[in-house]
Amino acid sequence: AYYFGYIIHRLLLCALGRRAEDDRDHYGNKRLDLAGPLLGGLFRMLFRRLTRDVKGYVQKCVDNGKDVNLQFAIKAKTITSGLKYSLATGNWGQANAAGTRAGVSQVLNRLTYASTLSHLRRLNSPIGREGKLAKPRQLHNSQWGMMCPAETPEGQACGLVKNLALMVYITVGSAAYPILEFLEEWGTENFEEISPAVIPQATKI
């Protein structure tokens, strides 16, 4: 509730013209969806579908007074077929389902070593190619040292498809507990304990 109030307060300050709007093109406000989390999300979605099918089968057997046969209850092809479909077609999600993203998986370019490196470090912005806004296509100042300033395709995808610089690496997720313990050890005040009058002079972490 405290954090929700903090967000509403920032929104009101912006509406009243007391603070500038956040830059949606700033790289600190963006997130990269990598192969691991994408595959993990797809697996969880397919596993939920499998458990739903098993639950429906067991419920049907109980209602009809039949014995539960695990061989028929667990359909092994549910997860396998779902993963194969997404990797083969590039449509990320279940077939004929709403919210399916297209072009997520692609055939790796092996023409030259340079083209392979370029393809592996390619970033695709989920923005319509027909849009005429210049800001999302431009190289933002916050992308200095992280994005290649030269490599981008011509045509409609210009600026929307970018490439990571060769020396860039992406940090993986880590547990928040050690960081929270360190902050508490060094005297950081919790958001629930601080007075609202002190918030403008404080730094939020």
N, C-alpha and C. Protein backbone atom coordinates (compact mmCIF):
# COMPACT_ATOMS: atom_id res chain seq x y z
N ALA A 1 0.82 -1.19 0.00
CA ALA A 1 0.00 0.00 0.00
C ALA A 1 0.87 1.26 0.00
N TYR A 2 1.99 1.22 0.76
CA TYR A 2 2.89 2.37 0.80
C TYR A 2 3.49 2.64 -0.58
N TYR A 3 3.91 1.58 -1.24
CA TYR A 3 4.52 1.75 -2.56
C TYR A 3 3.49 2.25 -3.56
N PHE A 4 2.27 1.75 -3.46
CA PHE A 4 1.20 2.20 -4.35
C PHE A 4 0.95 3.70 -4.16
N GLY A 5 0.93 4.14 -2.92
CA GLY A 5 0.78 5.57 -2.64
C GLY A 5 1.94 6.39 -3.19
N TYR A 6 3.14 5.82 -3.10
CA TYR A 6 4.33 6.51 -3.63
C TYR A 6 4.22 6.69 -5.14
N ILE A 7 3.73 5.66 -5.84
CA ILE A 7 3.57 5.75 -7.29
C ILE A 7 2.49 6.77 -7.66
N ILE A 8 1.37 6.77 -6.92
CA ILE A 8 0.30 7.75 -7.18
C ILE A 8 0.81 9.17 -6.95
N HIS A 9 1.64 9.34 -5.91
CA HIS A 9 2.21 10.66 -5.62
C HIS A 9 3.07 11.14 -6.78
N ARG A 10 3.89 10.26 -7.32
CA ARG A 10 4.73 10.63 -8.46
C ARG A 10 3.88 10.97 -9.68
N LEU A 11 2.81 10.22 -9.87
CA LEU A 11 1.91 10.48 -10.99
C LEU A 11 1.25 11.85 -10.86
N LEU A 12 0.82 12.19 -9.65
CA LEU A 12 0.20 13.50 -9.42
C LEU A 12 1.20 14.64 -9.61
N LEU A 13 2.44 14.44 -9.16
CA LEU A 13 3.48 15.46 -9.37
C LEU A 13 3.71 15.70 -10.85
N CYS A 14 3.68 14.62 -11.61
CA CYS A 14 3.87 14.74 -13.06
C CYS A 14 2.67 15.45 -13.70
N ALA A 15 1.46 15.12 -13.24
CA ALA A 15 0.26 15.74 -13.81
C ALA A 15 0.19 17.23 -13.49
N LEU A 16 0.72 17.63 -12.32
CA LEU A 16 0.72 19.03 -11.92
C LEU A 16 1.90 19.81 -12.49
N GLY A 17 2.78 19.12 -13.19
CA GLY A 17 3.93 19.78 -13.80
C GLY A 17 5.08 20.05 -12.86
N ARG A 18 5.11 19.36 -11.71
CA ARG A 18 6.18 19.59 -10.73
C ARG A 18 7.38 18.67 -10.96
N ARG A 19 7.23 17.66 -11.77
CA ARG A 19 8.37 16.81 -12.15
C ARG A 19 8.22 16.39 -13.60
N ALA A 20 9.35 16.12 -14.22
CA ALA A 20 9.34 15.76 -15.64
C ALA A 20 8.84 14.33 -15.82
N GLU A 21 8.28 14.05 -16.99
CA GLU A 21 7.83 12.69 -17.30
C GLU A 21 9.04 11.77 -17.46
N ASP A 22 8.85 10.50 -17.11
CA ASP A 22 9.91 9.51 -17.33
C ASP A 22 10.08 9.29 -18.83
N ASP A 23 11.33 9.11 -19.23
CA ASP A 23 11.64 8.86 -20.64
C ASP A 23 11.45 7.37 -20.93
N ARG A 24 10.47 7.03 -21.73
CA ARG A 24 10.19 5.62 -22.02
C ARG A 24 11.29 4.98 -22.86
N ASP A 25 12.11 5.80 -23.54
CA ASP A 25 13.19 5.28 -24.36
C ASP A 25 14.50 5.13 -23.60
N HIS A 26 14.53 5.58 -22.34
CA HIS A 26 15.73 5.42 -21.52
C HIS A 26 15.96 3.93 -21.27
N TYR A 27 17.22 3.48 -21.38
CA TYR A 27 17.47 2.05 -21.27
C TYR A 27 17.31 1.53 -19.84
N GLY A 28 17.28 2.43 -18.87
CA GLY A 28 17.00 2.00 -17.51
C GLY A 28 15.55 1.61 -17.30
N ASN A 29 14.68 1.99 -18.23
CA ASN A 29 13.25 1.66 -18.14
C ASN A 29 12.88 0.50 -19.05
N LYS A 30 13.87 -0.23 -19.53
CA LYS A 30 13.59 -1.34 -20.45
C LYS A 30 14.10 -2.66 -19.86
N ARG A 31 13.59 -3.75 -20.40
CA ARG A 31 13.98 -5.08 -19.95
C ARG A 31 14.22 -5.94 -21.17
N LEU A 32 15.22 -6.81 -21.08
CA LEU A 32 15.53 -7.73 -22.18
C LEU A 32 14.98 -9.11 -21.82
N ASP A 33 14.19 -9.69 -22.71
CA ASP A 33 13.70 -11.06 -22.54
C ASP A 33 14.69 -11.99 -23.22
N LEU A 34 15.42 -12.77 -22.43
CA LEU A 34 16.43 -13.67 -22.97
C LEU A 34 15.84 -15.05 -23.20
N ALA A 35 16.67 -15.93 -23.80
CA ALA A 35 16.19 -17.26 -24.19
C ALA A 35 15.76 -18.08 -22.97
N GLY A 36 16.53 -18.01 -21.88
CA GLY A 36 16.20 -18.81 -20.70
C GLY A 36 14.85 -18.48 -20.09
N PRO A 37 14.60 -17.22 -19.72
CA PRO A 37 13.28 -16.87 -19.18
C PRO A 37 12.13 -17.12 -20.16
N LEU A 38 12.37 -16.93 -21.46
CA LEU A 38 11.31 -17.19 -22.45
C LEU A 38 10.95 -18.67 -22.47
N LEU A 39 11.98 -19.54 -22.48
CA LEU A 39 11.71 -20.99 -22.46
C LEU A 39 11.08 -21.41 -21.14
N GLY A 40 11.55 -20.80 -20.03
CA GLY A 40 10.96 -21.11 -18.73
C GLY A 40 9.49 -20.74 -18.66
N GLY A 41 9.15 -19.56 -19.17
CA GLY A 41 7.75 -19.14 -19.18
C GLY A 41 6.88 -20.03 -20.04
N LEU A 42 7.42 -20.44 -21.20
CA LEU A 42 6.68 -21.33 -22.09
C LEU A 42 6.46 -22.69 -21.43
N PHE A 43 7.51 -23.21 -20.75
CA PHE A 43 7.38 -24.51 -20.07
C PHE A 43 6.33 -24.44 -18.96
N ARG A 44 6.35 -23.36 -18.17
CA ARG A 44 5.36 -23.23 -17.09
C ARG A 44 3.94 -23.17 -17.64
N MET A 45 3.76 -22.48 -18.76
CA MET A 45 2.44 -22.39 -19.37
C MET A 45 1.96 -23.77 -19.84
N LEU A 46 2.87 -24.53 -20.47
CA LEU A 46 2.51 -25.87 -20.95
C LEU A 46 2.29 -26.83 -19.78
N PHE A 47 3.07 -26.66 -18.70
CA PHE A 47 2.90 -27.54 -17.54
C PHE A 47 1.56 -27.28 -16.86
N ARG A 48 1.14 -26.01 -16.79
CA ARG A 48 -0.19 -25.70 -16.24
C ARG A 48 -1.28 -26.34 -17.08
N ARG A 49 -1.08 -26.32 -18.39
CA ARG A 49 -2.06 -26.97 -19.28
C ARG A 49 -2.10 -28.47 -19.03
N LEU A 50 -0.94 -29.09 -18.79
CA LEU A 50 -0.88 -30.53 -18.50
C LEU A 50 -1.59 -30.85 -17.19
N THR A 51 -1.31 -30.07 -16.15
CA THR A 51 -1.98 -30.33 -14.86
C THR A 51 -3.48 -30.11 -14.95
N ARG A 52 -3.91 -29.14 -15.77
CA ARG A 52 -5.34 -28.91 -15.96
C ARG A 52 -5.99 -30.11 -16.64
N ASP A 53 -5.29 -30.69 -17.64
CA ASP A 53 -5.82 -31.88 -18.33
C ASP A 53 -5.89 -33.07 -17.39
N VAL A 54 -4.85 -33.24 -16.54
CA VAL A 54 -4.84 -34.35 -15.59
C VAL A 54 -5.98 -34.19 -14.58
N LYS A 55 -6.18 -32.97 -14.11
CA LYS A 55 -7.26 -32.70 -13.15
C LYS A 55 -8.62 -33.01 -13.77
N GLY A 56 -8.81 -32.60 -15.03
CA GLY A 56 -10.07 -32.89 -15.71
C GLY A 56 -10.31 -34.37 -15.89
N TYR A 57 -9.23 -35.12 -16.23
CA TYR A 57 -9.35 -36.57 -16.43
C TYR A 57 -9.70 -37.26 -15.11
N VAL A 58 -8.99 -36.88 -14.03
CA VAL A 58 -9.24 -37.51 -12.72
C VAL A 58 -10.67 -37.20 -12.26
N GLN A 59 -11.11 -35.97 -12.44
CA GLN A 59 -12.47 -35.59 -12.04
C GLN A 59 -13.51 -36.39 -12.82
N LYS A 60 -13.23 -36.60 -14.10
CA LYS A 60 -14.15 -37.37 -14.94
C LYS A 60 -14.21 -38.83 -14.48
N CYS A 61 -13.04 -39.39 -14.11
CA CYS A 61 -13.01 -40.78 -13.63
C CYS A 61 -13.76 -40.92 -12.31
N VAL A 62 -13.59 -39.94 -11.43
CA VAL A 62 -14.28 -39.98 -10.13
C VAL A 62 -15.79 -39.88 -10.31
N ASP A 63 -16.21 -38.99 -11.21
CA ASP A 63 -17.65 -38.82 -11.45
C ASP A 63 -18.28 -40.07 -12.05
N ASN A 64 -17.52 -40.77 -12.91
CA ASN A 64 -18.05 -41.97 -13.57
C ASN A 64 -17.76 -43.25 -12.80
N GLY A 65 -17.02 -43.14 -11.68
CA GLY A 65 -16.70 -44.32 -10.87
C GLY A 65 -15.70 -45.25 -11.52
N LYS A 66 -14.81 -44.72 -12.34
CA LYS A 66 -13.79 -45.55 -13.01
C LYS A 66 -12.45 -45.41 -12.30
N ASP A 67 -11.56 -46.39 -12.56
CA ASP A 67 -10.21 -46.33 -12.00
C ASP A 67 -9.37 -45.32 -12.78
N VAL A 68 -8.49 -44.62 -12.06
CA VAL A 68 -7.60 -43.63 -12.69
C VAL A 68 -6.39 -44.34 -13.27
N ASN A 69 -6.17 -44.18 -14.56
CA ASN A 69 -5.01 -44.76 -15.24
C ASN A 69 -4.05 -43.63 -15.60
N LEU A 70 -2.89 -43.60 -14.93
CA LEU A 70 -1.93 -42.51 -15.16
C LEU A 70 -1.41 -42.50 -16.59
N GLN A 71 -1.41 -43.64 -17.23
CA GLN A 71 -0.93 -43.70 -18.62
C GLN A 71 -1.82 -42.86 -19.54
N PHE A 72 -3.10 -42.83 -19.25
CA PHE A 72 -4.02 -42.01 -20.04
C PHE A 72 -4.16 -40.59 -19.47
N ALA A 73 -3.90 -40.46 -18.17
CA ALA A 73 -4.07 -39.15 -17.53
C ALA A 73 -2.99 -38.16 -17.97
N ILE A 74 -1.73 -38.63 -18.02
CA ILE A 74 -0.61 -37.75 -18.36
C ILE A 74 -0.28 -37.91 -19.84
N LYS A 75 -0.57 -36.89 -20.61
CA LYS A 75 -0.25 -36.90 -22.04
C LYS A 75 1.15 -36.34 -22.23
N ALA A 76 2.09 -37.23 -22.57
CA ALA A 76 3.49 -36.83 -22.67
C ALA A 76 3.74 -35.82 -23.78
N LYS A 77 2.88 -35.80 -24.77
CA LYS A 77 3.12 -34.93 -25.92
C LYS A 77 2.71 -33.48 -25.68
N THR A 78 2.04 -33.20 -24.57
CA THR A 78 1.57 -31.84 -24.32
C THR A 78 2.73 -30.86 -24.26
N ILE A 79 3.73 -31.18 -23.44
CA ILE A 79 4.88 -30.28 -23.29
C ILE A 79 5.80 -30.37 -24.49
N THR A 80 6.07 -31.60 -24.95
CA THR A 80 7.00 -31.78 -26.08
C THR A 80 6.48 -31.10 -27.34
N SER A 81 5.22 -31.33 -27.66
CA SER A 81 4.65 -30.74 -28.87
C SER A 81 4.60 -29.21 -28.77
N GLY A 82 4.30 -28.70 -27.57
CA GLY A 82 4.24 -27.25 -27.39
C GLY A 82 5.60 -26.59 -27.60
N LEU A 83 6.65 -27.21 -27.03
CA LEU A 83 8.01 -26.67 -27.21
C LEU A 83 8.45 -26.76 -28.67
N LYS A 84 8.17 -27.90 -29.30
CA LYS A 84 8.55 -28.07 -30.70
C LYS A 84 7.82 -27.07 -31.60
N TYR A 85 6.55 -26.84 -31.32
CA TYR A 85 5.77 -25.91 -32.14
C TYR A 85 6.35 -24.50 -32.06
N SER A 86 6.65 -24.05 -30.84
CA SER A 86 7.16 -22.69 -30.68
C SER A 86 8.53 -22.52 -31.30
N LEU A 87 9.40 -23.52 -31.12
CA LEU A 87 10.75 -23.42 -31.68
C LEU A 87 10.75 -23.54 -33.19
N ALA A 88 9.82 -24.31 -33.75
CA ALA A 88 9.80 -24.53 -35.20
C ALA A 88 9.17 -23.36 -35.94
N THR A 89 8.10 -22.79 -35.38
CA THR A 89 7.37 -21.74 -36.09
C THR A 89 7.79 -20.33 -35.66
N GLY A 90 8.38 -20.20 -34.47
CA GLY A 90 8.72 -18.88 -33.96
C GLY A 90 7.58 -18.19 -33.25
N ASN A 91 6.39 -18.80 -33.25
CA ASN A 91 5.22 -18.24 -32.55
C ASN A 91 5.27 -18.69 -31.10
N TRP A 92 5.61 -17.76 -30.20
CA TRP A 92 5.86 -18.12 -28.80
C TRP A 92 4.56 -18.17 -28.03
N GLY A 93 4.17 -19.36 -27.64
CA GLY A 93 2.92 -19.56 -26.91
C GLY A 93 2.20 -20.77 -27.48
N GLN A 94 1.01 -21.03 -26.98
CA GLN A 94 0.22 -22.16 -27.46
C GLN A 94 -0.38 -21.84 -28.82
N ALA A 95 -0.54 -22.88 -29.62
CA ALA A 95 -1.12 -22.70 -30.95
C ALA A 95 -2.55 -22.17 -30.85
N ASN A 96 -2.88 -21.22 -31.71
CA ASN A 96 -4.22 -20.62 -31.78
C ASN A 96 -4.65 -19.96 -30.46
N ALA A 97 -3.67 -19.46 -29.70
CA ALA A 97 -3.99 -18.80 -28.43
C ALA A 97 -3.75 -17.31 -28.54
N ALA A 98 -4.49 -16.54 -27.75
CA ALA A 98 -4.32 -15.09 -27.76
C ALA A 98 -3.00 -14.73 -27.06
N GLY A 99 -2.38 -13.65 -27.49
CA GLY A 99 -1.13 -13.20 -26.88
C GLY A 99 0.09 -13.92 -27.38
N THR A 100 -0.02 -14.66 -28.48
CA THR A 100 1.13 -15.36 -29.05
C THR A 100 2.02 -14.35 -29.77
N ARG A 101 3.32 -14.39 -29.46
CA ARG A 101 4.28 -13.50 -30.11
C ARG A 101 4.94 -14.20 -31.28
N ALA A 102 5.08 -13.50 -32.38
CA ALA A 102 5.64 -14.09 -33.60
C ALA A 102 7.11 -13.72 -33.74
N GLY A 103 7.88 -14.61 -34.37
CA GLY A 103 9.28 -14.33 -34.69
C GLY A 103 10.23 -14.38 -33.52
N VAL A 104 9.87 -15.09 -32.44
CA VAL A 104 10.75 -15.14 -31.27
C VAL A 104 11.95 -16.04 -31.55
N SER A 105 11.73 -17.22 -32.11
CA SER A 105 12.84 -18.11 -32.46
C SER A 105 13.08 -18.04 -33.96
N GLN A 106 14.35 -18.07 -34.34
CA GLN A 106 14.75 -17.98 -35.74
C GLN A 106 15.86 -18.98 -36.01
N VAL A 107 16.05 -19.28 -37.28
CA VAL A 107 17.16 -20.15 -37.69
C VAL A 107 18.44 -19.33 -37.62
N LEU A 108 19.44 -19.82 -36.89
CA LEU A 108 20.68 -19.08 -36.69
C LEU A 108 21.43 -18.91 -38.00
N ASN A 109 21.83 -17.68 -38.27
CA ASN A 109 22.56 -17.35 -39.50
C ASN A 109 23.99 -17.86 -39.39
N ARG A 110 24.39 -18.74 -40.31
CA ARG A 110 25.73 -19.34 -40.29
C ARG A 110 26.52 -19.02 -41.56
N LEU A 111 26.16 -17.93 -42.24
CA LEU A 111 26.88 -17.60 -43.48
C LEU A 111 28.34 -17.31 -43.19
N THR A 112 28.61 -16.44 -42.22
CA THR A 112 29.97 -16.14 -41.79
C THR A 112 30.00 -16.07 -40.27
N TYR A 113 31.20 -16.05 -39.71
CA TYR A 113 31.34 -15.96 -38.26
C TYR A 113 30.80 -14.63 -37.75
N ALA A 114 31.05 -13.55 -38.50
CA ALA A 114 30.56 -12.22 -38.10
C ALA A 114 29.04 -12.17 -38.12
N SER A 115 28.42 -12.79 -39.13
CA SER A 115 26.95 -12.79 -39.20
C SER A 115 26.34 -13.61 -38.07
N THR A 116 27.04 -14.69 -37.64
CA THR A 116 26.56 -15.49 -36.52
C THR A 116 26.59 -14.67 -35.23
N LEU A 117 27.70 -13.97 -34.97
CA LEU A 117 27.80 -13.13 -33.78
C LEU A 117 26.74 -12.04 -33.80
N SER A 118 26.52 -11.46 -34.97
CA SER A 118 25.52 -10.40 -35.11
C SER A 118 24.13 -10.93 -34.79
N HIS A 119 23.81 -12.12 -35.30
CA HIS A 119 22.48 -12.70 -35.09
C HIS A 119 22.26 -13.06 -33.62
N LEU A 120 23.31 -13.55 -32.95
CA LEU A 120 23.18 -13.94 -31.55
C LEU A 120 22.97 -12.73 -30.63
N ARG A 121 23.41 -11.55 -31.05
CA ARG A 121 23.33 -10.36 -30.21
C ARG A 121 22.26 -9.38 -30.70
N ARG A 122 21.33 -9.88 -31.48
CA ARG A 122 20.30 -9.02 -32.06
C ARG A 122 19.16 -8.79 -31.07
N LEU A 123 18.67 -7.56 -31.02
CA LEU A 123 17.56 -7.18 -30.16
C LEU A 123 16.41 -6.69 -31.03
N ASN A 124 15.23 -7.22 -30.76
CA ASN A 124 14.06 -6.89 -31.56
C ASN A 124 13.03 -6.18 -30.68
N SER A 125 12.77 -4.92 -30.95
CA SER A 125 11.80 -4.16 -30.16
C SER A 125 10.38 -4.54 -30.57
N PRO A 126 9.49 -4.84 -29.61
CA PRO A 126 8.11 -5.25 -29.94
C PRO A 126 7.23 -4.05 -30.28
N ILE A 127 7.61 -3.31 -31.30
CA ILE A 127 6.86 -2.13 -31.73
C ILE A 127 6.48 -2.33 -33.19
N GLY A 128 5.30 -1.89 -33.56
CA GLY A 128 4.85 -2.02 -34.95
C GLY A 128 5.79 -1.32 -35.92
N ARG A 129 6.09 -1.99 -37.01
CA ARG A 129 7.03 -1.46 -37.99
C ARG A 129 6.44 -0.28 -38.78
N GLU A 130 5.12 -0.13 -38.74
CA GLU A 130 4.48 0.93 -39.52
C GLU A 130 4.50 2.27 -38.80
N GLY A 131 4.88 2.27 -37.51
CA GLY A 131 4.89 3.52 -36.75
C GLY A 131 5.88 4.52 -37.30
N LYS A 132 5.51 5.80 -37.24
CA LYS A 132 6.37 6.86 -37.79
C LYS A 132 7.04 7.69 -36.70
N LEU A 133 6.95 7.26 -35.44
CA LEU A 133 7.62 7.97 -34.37
C LEU A 133 9.13 7.78 -34.49
N ALA A 134 9.87 8.87 -34.36
CA ALA A 134 11.32 8.80 -34.54
C ALA A 134 12.03 8.40 -33.25
N LYS A 135 11.47 8.75 -32.09
CA LYS A 135 12.16 8.53 -30.82
C LYS A 135 12.52 7.06 -30.57
N PRO A 136 11.59 6.09 -30.75
CA PRO A 136 11.97 4.70 -30.49
C PRO A 136 13.06 4.18 -31.43
N ARG A 137 13.22 4.80 -32.59
CA ARG A 137 14.20 4.34 -33.56
C ARG A 137 15.58 4.95 -33.35
N GLN A 138 15.63 6.05 -32.62
CA GLN A 138 16.91 6.73 -32.43
C GLN A 138 17.76 6.02 -31.39
N LEU A 139 19.07 6.28 -31.44
CA LEU A 139 20.00 5.72 -30.46
C LEU A 139 20.01 6.64 -29.24
N HIS A 140 19.47 6.15 -28.13
CA HIS A 140 19.35 6.97 -26.92
C HIS A 140 20.72 7.12 -26.25
N ASN A 141 20.90 8.24 -25.54
CA ASN A 141 22.17 8.48 -24.85
C ASN A 141 22.49 7.40 -23.83
N SER A 142 21.45 6.83 -23.20
CA SER A 142 21.66 5.80 -22.19
C SER A 142 22.14 4.48 -22.78
N GLN A 143 22.12 4.34 -24.11
CA GLN A 143 22.57 3.11 -24.76
C GLN A 143 24.05 3.18 -25.13
N TRP A 144 24.74 4.25 -24.72
CA TRP A 144 26.15 4.41 -25.03
C TRP A 144 26.96 3.25 -24.43
N GLY A 145 27.75 2.60 -25.28
CA GLY A 145 28.58 1.49 -24.84
C GLY A 145 27.85 0.16 -24.76
N MET A 146 26.54 0.16 -24.92
CA MET A 146 25.77 -1.09 -24.85
C MET A 146 25.22 -1.51 -26.21
N MET A 147 24.86 -0.53 -27.05
CA MET A 147 24.31 -0.81 -28.37
C MET A 147 25.32 -0.44 -29.45
N CYS A 148 25.33 -1.22 -30.52
CA CYS A 148 26.14 -0.86 -31.68
C CYS A 148 25.49 0.34 -32.36
N PRO A 149 26.21 1.45 -32.54
CA PRO A 149 25.60 2.65 -33.11
C PRO A 149 25.41 2.58 -34.62
N ALA A 150 25.97 1.57 -35.27
CA ALA A 150 25.94 1.52 -36.74
C ALA A 150 25.06 0.41 -37.29
N GLU A 151 25.02 -0.73 -36.60
CA GLU A 151 24.35 -1.90 -37.19
C GLU A 151 22.85 -1.89 -36.91
N THR A 152 22.10 -1.67 -37.93
CA THR A 152 20.63 -1.76 -37.89
C THR A 152 20.15 -1.93 -39.33
N PRO A 153 19.11 -2.70 -39.57
CA PRO A 153 18.67 -2.93 -40.96
C PRO A 153 18.05 -1.68 -41.58
N GLU A 154 17.97 -1.70 -42.88
CA GLU A 154 17.30 -0.61 -43.60
C GLU A 154 15.80 -0.90 -43.69
N GLY A 155 15.05 0.11 -44.07
CA GLY A 155 13.61 -0.08 -44.27
C GLY A 155 12.81 0.14 -43.01
N GLN A 156 11.68 -0.57 -42.90
CA GLN A 156 10.74 -0.35 -41.79
C GLN A 156 11.33 -0.70 -40.43
N ALA A 157 12.25 -1.68 -40.40
CA ALA A 157 12.81 -2.12 -39.12
C ALA A 157 13.99 -1.26 -38.67
N CYS A 158 14.30 -0.20 -39.39
CA CYS A 158 15.46 0.64 -39.06
C CYS A 158 15.30 1.25 -37.66
N GLY A 159 16.27 0.99 -36.80
CA GLY A 159 16.23 1.52 -35.44
C GLY A 159 15.45 0.68 -34.46
N LEU A 160 14.55 -0.16 -34.93
CA LEU A 160 13.77 -1.03 -34.04
C LEU A 160 14.50 -2.34 -33.79
N VAL A 161 15.32 -2.76 -34.74
CA VAL A 161 16.17 -3.93 -34.56
C VAL A 161 17.59 -3.42 -34.33
N LYS A 162 18.08 -3.63 -33.10
CA LYS A 162 19.42 -3.17 -32.74
C LYS A 162 20.30 -4.36 -32.40
N ASN A 163 21.58 -4.11 -32.18
CA ASN A 163 22.53 -5.16 -31.81
C ASN A 163 23.31 -4.74 -30.58
N LEU A 164 23.51 -5.69 -29.67
CA LEU A 164 24.36 -5.42 -28.52
C LEU A 164 25.80 -5.25 -28.97
N ALA A 165 26.54 -4.40 -28.27
CA ALA A 165 27.97 -4.27 -28.53
C ALA A 165 28.67 -5.58 -28.19
N LEU A 166 29.83 -5.82 -28.81
CA LEU A 166 30.48 -7.13 -28.70
C LEU A 166 30.93 -7.46 -27.28
N MET A 167 31.28 -6.46 -26.47
CA MET A 167 31.80 -6.72 -25.13
C MET A 167 30.72 -6.66 -24.05
N VAL A 168 29.47 -6.51 -24.45
CA VAL A 168 28.38 -6.41 -23.47
C VAL A 168 27.97 -7.80 -22.99
N TYR A 169 27.72 -7.93 -21.70
CA TYR A 169 27.12 -9.16 -21.17
C TYR A 169 25.95 -8.77 -20.27
N ILE A 170 24.98 -9.65 -20.17
CA ILE A 170 23.76 -9.37 -19.42
C ILE A 170 23.80 -10.15 -18.12
N THR A 171 23.62 -9.46 -17.01
CA THR A 171 23.64 -10.13 -15.71
C THR A 171 22.35 -10.94 -15.54
N VAL A 172 22.48 -12.08 -14.90
CA VAL A 172 21.33 -12.95 -14.67
C VAL A 172 20.70 -12.59 -13.33
N GLY A 173 19.49 -13.07 -13.12
CA GLY A 173 18.78 -12.78 -11.88
C GLY A 173 19.47 -13.41 -10.67
N SER A 174 19.40 -12.75 -9.54
CA SER A 174 20.00 -13.24 -8.31
C SER A 174 19.04 -13.01 -7.15
N ALA A 175 19.32 -13.67 -6.04
CA ALA A 175 18.45 -13.57 -4.87
C ALA A 175 18.53 -12.17 -4.28
N ALA A 176 17.39 -11.64 -3.86
CA ALA A 176 17.35 -10.29 -3.29
C ALA A 176 17.71 -10.27 -1.81
N TYR A 177 17.68 -11.43 -1.14
CA TYR A 177 17.89 -11.46 0.31
C TYR A 177 19.25 -10.92 0.74
N PRO A 178 20.39 -11.33 0.11
CA PRO A 178 21.69 -10.79 0.55
C PRO A 178 21.78 -9.27 0.40
N ILE A 179 21.18 -8.71 -0.65
CA ILE A 179 21.22 -7.26 -0.87
C ILE A 179 20.40 -6.56 0.20
N LEU A 180 19.20 -7.09 0.49
CA LEU A 180 18.35 -6.49 1.53
C LEU A 180 19.02 -6.57 2.90
N GLU A 181 19.70 -7.69 3.16
CA GLU A 181 20.41 -7.85 4.44
C GLU A 181 21.55 -6.83 4.55
N PHE A 182 22.27 -6.62 3.45
CA PHE A 182 23.36 -5.64 3.44
C PHE A 182 22.85 -4.23 3.67
N LEU A 183 21.74 -3.86 3.02
CA LEU A 183 21.17 -2.52 3.19
C LEU A 183 20.68 -2.30 4.62
N GLU A 184 20.08 -3.34 5.20
CA GLU A 184 19.60 -3.22 6.58
C GLU A 184 20.76 -3.09 7.55
N GLU A 185 21.86 -3.79 7.25
CA GLU A 185 23.05 -3.74 8.10
C GLU A 185 23.68 -2.34 8.12
N TRP A 186 23.57 -1.65 6.98
CA TRP A 186 24.18 -0.32 6.88
C TRP A 186 23.19 0.81 7.18
N GLY A 187 22.11 0.48 7.84
CA GLY A 187 21.23 1.51 8.39
C GLY A 187 20.23 2.10 7.43
N THR A 188 19.90 1.39 6.36
CA THR A 188 18.87 1.88 5.45
C THR A 188 17.50 1.75 6.10
N GLU A 189 16.72 2.81 6.06
CA GLU A 189 15.39 2.79 6.68
C GLU A 189 14.38 2.15 5.75
N ASN A 190 13.48 1.38 6.32
CA ASN A 190 12.41 0.77 5.53
C ASN A 190 11.40 1.83 5.10
N PHE A 191 10.76 1.58 3.98
CA PHE A 191 9.81 2.55 3.42
C PHE A 191 8.62 2.74 4.35
N GLU A 192 8.25 1.69 5.11
CA GLU A 192 7.11 1.79 6.01
C GLU A 192 7.43 2.61 7.25
N GLU A 193 8.72 2.74 7.59
CA GLU A 193 9.11 3.40 8.84
C GLU A 193 9.42 4.88 8.66
N ILE A 194 9.69 5.31 7.44
CA ILE A 194 10.13 6.69 7.21
C ILE A 194 8.93 7.64 7.20
N SER A 195 9.14 8.86 7.67
CA SER A 195 8.07 9.86 7.71
C SER A 195 7.83 10.43 6.31
N PRO A 196 6.56 10.65 5.94
CA PRO A 196 6.28 11.22 4.61
C PRO A 196 6.94 12.57 4.37
N ALA A 197 7.18 13.34 5.44
CA ALA A 197 7.79 14.66 5.29
C ALA A 197 9.26 14.56 4.88
N VAL A 198 9.89 13.42 5.15
CA VAL A 198 11.32 13.26 4.85
C VAL A 198 11.54 12.72 3.44
N ILE A 199 10.48 12.17 2.82
CA ILE A 199 10.64 11.50 1.52
C ILE A 199 11.26 12.40 0.45
N PRO A 200 10.86 13.70 0.33
CA PRO A 200 11.48 14.52 -0.73
C PRO A 200 13.00 14.67 -0.59
N GLN A 201 13.54 14.63 0.66
CA GLN A 201 14.98 14.76 0.85
C GLN A 201 15.70 13.41 0.86
N ALA A 202 14.95 12.32 0.86
CA ALA A 202 15.55 10.99 0.94
C ALA A 202 15.81 10.43 -0.46
N THR A 203 16.65 9.43 -0.50
CA THR A 203 16.96 8.72 -1.75
C THR A 203 16.35 7.34 -1.69
N LYS A 204 15.50 7.02 -2.65
CA LYS A 204 14.83 5.72 -2.67
C LYS A 204 15.73 4.70 -3.35
N ILE A 205 15.87 3.54 -2.72
CA ILE A 205 16.69 2.45 -3.28
C ILE A 205 15.76 1.33 -3.70
